[in-house]
Amino acid sequence: MLKLGASGGGGHLLDSHWPFAEQAGFRMVAVYDLKPDHVKTELKGRRLSGEEITWVTSMRELLRQDLDAVLITSPDKEHPAQLAAAIEAGVSVLVDKPAAIDATGLRTVRNAIAHRGSRVVVSSCHPRRFDPPYQALRKRLNRLIARYGALVHIEMDFSYPTPRKAWKATRSLLLDHFIHELDFMRWLLDEPLIGAKRLQDTFDHYCVSGTIGIDSPVTFTCMGTRRLKKRGTYPETVKLRFTEGTCEINTKTGVMRMWRHATPENVRTEVTGGTDYDLRFIFLMQDFAASVKRGEEGYLNPVDILANTEAAVALATTGHYNL
């Protein structure tokens, strides 16, 4: 088993990473959090064991432990320095997004990645790449192009519950979430972001429009809100607009609807499988474990991390991004 440490014992660690660590080939051995007693209580509520964990009081102390890898799930502002410290210590790292929230942090991340050891793996958290509905769109893209013509526009939309924690009311939703939408589009098309403009950004509503792709540019609009009163539901939709038709998928249900613009009454339907939150984090953690064992990049590489983060930081801080 690979020995795993973590910085930040909040809900993302306890709900999305720790429960699947052992199944992926990790054993959690050390945790750094400013409120360890609170984390221990939360562990019991989730039936996770913290009995064999070394609880440390600093990132430096965490990295002194005998670790094969570390998860950084601390507050966003801590990510750059902690990522750099892990890389300097020669420990492979999976950092939660965003890797940085401003230009200073971005420089720290960029410099750390540039000077990492040859076998130090640097990854991040974009589970949509392991999610059935998003995988289905990527798998079917060439078939859809053959049927409906060139892809010309992408729309991505999500609607989440209103945040309960006060600190989330001061957070940029664009900075927090556009990284996910951008990563999917870059993965779908294997093309870079050319330019984008911020249309809206508050803690509960963001909207960005732009263009992705060099040879055959595709326009896009990404938006989301956090205003649902019902908890425990996270509906997302993706719409691909081609020259002669449209494909739309509801990722919660996995239902994909397709129609030609000339005959919109004739709708084709396929069921791809909906989002499975447990499954996608199992696969993500398994990918990280396999990458650490090989000492090679996994599903996500440092180029992806930097491209996604640079665009999000620029849009959140200046309102625009240009390649």
Foldseek 3Di string as FASTA:
>chain_A
DFEEEEEALDDCCLPQAVVQQVVLPYDYAEYEDCCVVVSCVVCVVVVHDPPRHHYDHDLVVRLVDPGQEYEYPHPQQCQLVSLLVCQVSQHAYEYEPPSHQAPVSLVSNVVSQVPGDLLHEYHYDQLLCVWQLLVVCLVCVVVCCVVFNAWAEKEKEKEAAADPDPVLQQDKPLRNPVLNVLLSVCVSVVWAFAKKFWPDIGSFKTKMWGWTHDPRIHIYIYMYGHHDNDHPDMWMKMKTDHPFKIWIATQQFQKIWIDGPVCRVDIDIDRRDHGDSRRSSSVVSNQSVVSSVVSHYGPDHPVSSSRSNVQSNCCVPPRMDGD
